[in-house]
Protein backbone atom coordinates (compact mmCIF):
# COMPACT_ATOMS: atom_id res chain seq x y z
CA UNK A 1 -9.82 0.77 -14.08
CA UNK A 2 -9.93 4.05 -12.19
CA UNK A 3 -7.74 5.65 -9.57
CA UNK A 4 -10.03 7.08 -6.91
CA UNK A 5 -9.21 9.91 -4.52
CA UNK A 6 -11.14 10.72 -1.35
CA UNK A 7 -10.59 13.15 1.48
CA UNK A 8 -10.01 11.59 4.88
CA UNK A 9 -10.50 13.59 8.05
CA UNK A 10 -9.11 12.69 11.45
CA UNK A 11 -10.05 14.70 14.50
CA UNK A 12 -7.72 15.15 17.47
CA UNK A 13 -7.31 17.23 20.66
CA UNK A 14 -10.82 16.58 21.86
CA UNK A 15 -12.44 17.08 18.46
CA UNK A 16 -11.02 20.63 18.19
CA UNK A 17 -8.65 20.22 15.27
CA UNK A 18 -8.96 18.27 12.02
CA UNK A 19 -6.18 16.60 10.06
CA UNK A 20 -7.09 16.13 6.37
CA UNK A 21 -5.32 14.05 3.76
CA UNK A 22 -6.03 12.50 0.39
CA UNK A 23 -6.37 8.71 0.20
CA UNK A 24 -5.92 7.07 -3.20
CA UNK A 25 -7.27 3.63 -4.11
CA UNK A 26 -7.36 1.35 -7.12
CA UNK A 27 -10.09 -1.21 -7.69
CA UNK A 28 -8.92 -4.70 -8.59
CA UNK A 29 -11.10 -6.37 -11.28
CA UNK A 30 -12.90 -9.56 -10.22
CA UNK A 31 -10.94 -11.76 -12.61
CA UNK A 32 -7.74 -11.03 -10.59
CA UNK A 33 -9.18 -11.63 -7.10
CA UNK A 34 -7.85 -15.20 -6.88
CA UNK A 35 -4.34 -14.01 -7.74
CA UNK A 36 -4.43 -11.22 -5.13
CA UNK A 37 -5.84 -13.30 -2.24
CA UNK A 38 -2.41 -14.47 -1.05
CA UNK A 39 -1.28 -10.83 -0.56
CA UNK A 40 -4.28 -9.62 1.49
CA UNK A 41 -3.43 -8.30 4.94
CA UNK A 42 0.33 -8.17 4.28
CA UNK A 43 2.64 -5.17 4.07
CA UNK A 44 3.95 -4.79 0.54
CA UNK A 45 6.85 -2.85 -0.95
CA UNK A 46 5.72 -0.55 -3.75
CA UNK A 47 7.60 0.83 -6.74
CA UNK A 48 5.98 3.27 -9.13
CA UNK A 49 7.26 4.26 -12.57
CA UNK A 50 5.84 6.61 -15.16
CA UNK A 51 6.80 5.75 -18.74
CA UNK A 52 5.30 7.20 -21.92
CA UNK A 53 1.86 8.08 -20.52
CA UNK A 54 1.68 4.83 -18.50
CA UNK A 55 1.78 4.18 -14.76
CA UNK A 56 3.54 0.98 -13.72
CA UNK A 57 2.92 -0.06 -10.11
CA UNK A 58 4.91 -3.01 -8.79
CA UNK A 59 3.89 -4.51 -5.44
CA UNK A 60 5.91 -7.26 -3.84
CA UNK A 61 6.31 -8.71 -0.36
CA UNK A 62 9.29 -7.36 1.57
CA UNK A 63 12.44 -9.45 1.57
CA UNK A 64 12.97 -11.68 4.55
CA UNK A 65 16.08 -10.52 6.32
CA UNK A 66 18.18 -13.07 8.06
CA UNK A 67 20.58 -11.69 10.64
CA UNK A 68 23.46 -13.56 12.22
CA UNK A 69 23.13 -14.25 15.90
CA UNK A 70 25.18 -11.85 18.00
CA UNK A 71 26.03 -14.51 20.57
CA UNK A 72 26.57 -17.88 18.85
CA UNK A 73 26.28 -20.93 21.08
């Protein structure tokens, strides 16, 4: 598995100026595609840890927040 980095360029102000940034991506192996399908198109919370020459990336859906109604009936 590789971590890929590419330069992204966005033009603004009538194509006069350019905003550049690095975009990182990780390829998911085919054997995990079925497991990942349920998370496609959703915003995920990410935690990243570095331990003993290892990168641990944890992705999970955000918690559902239930708020009390301000004006109960």
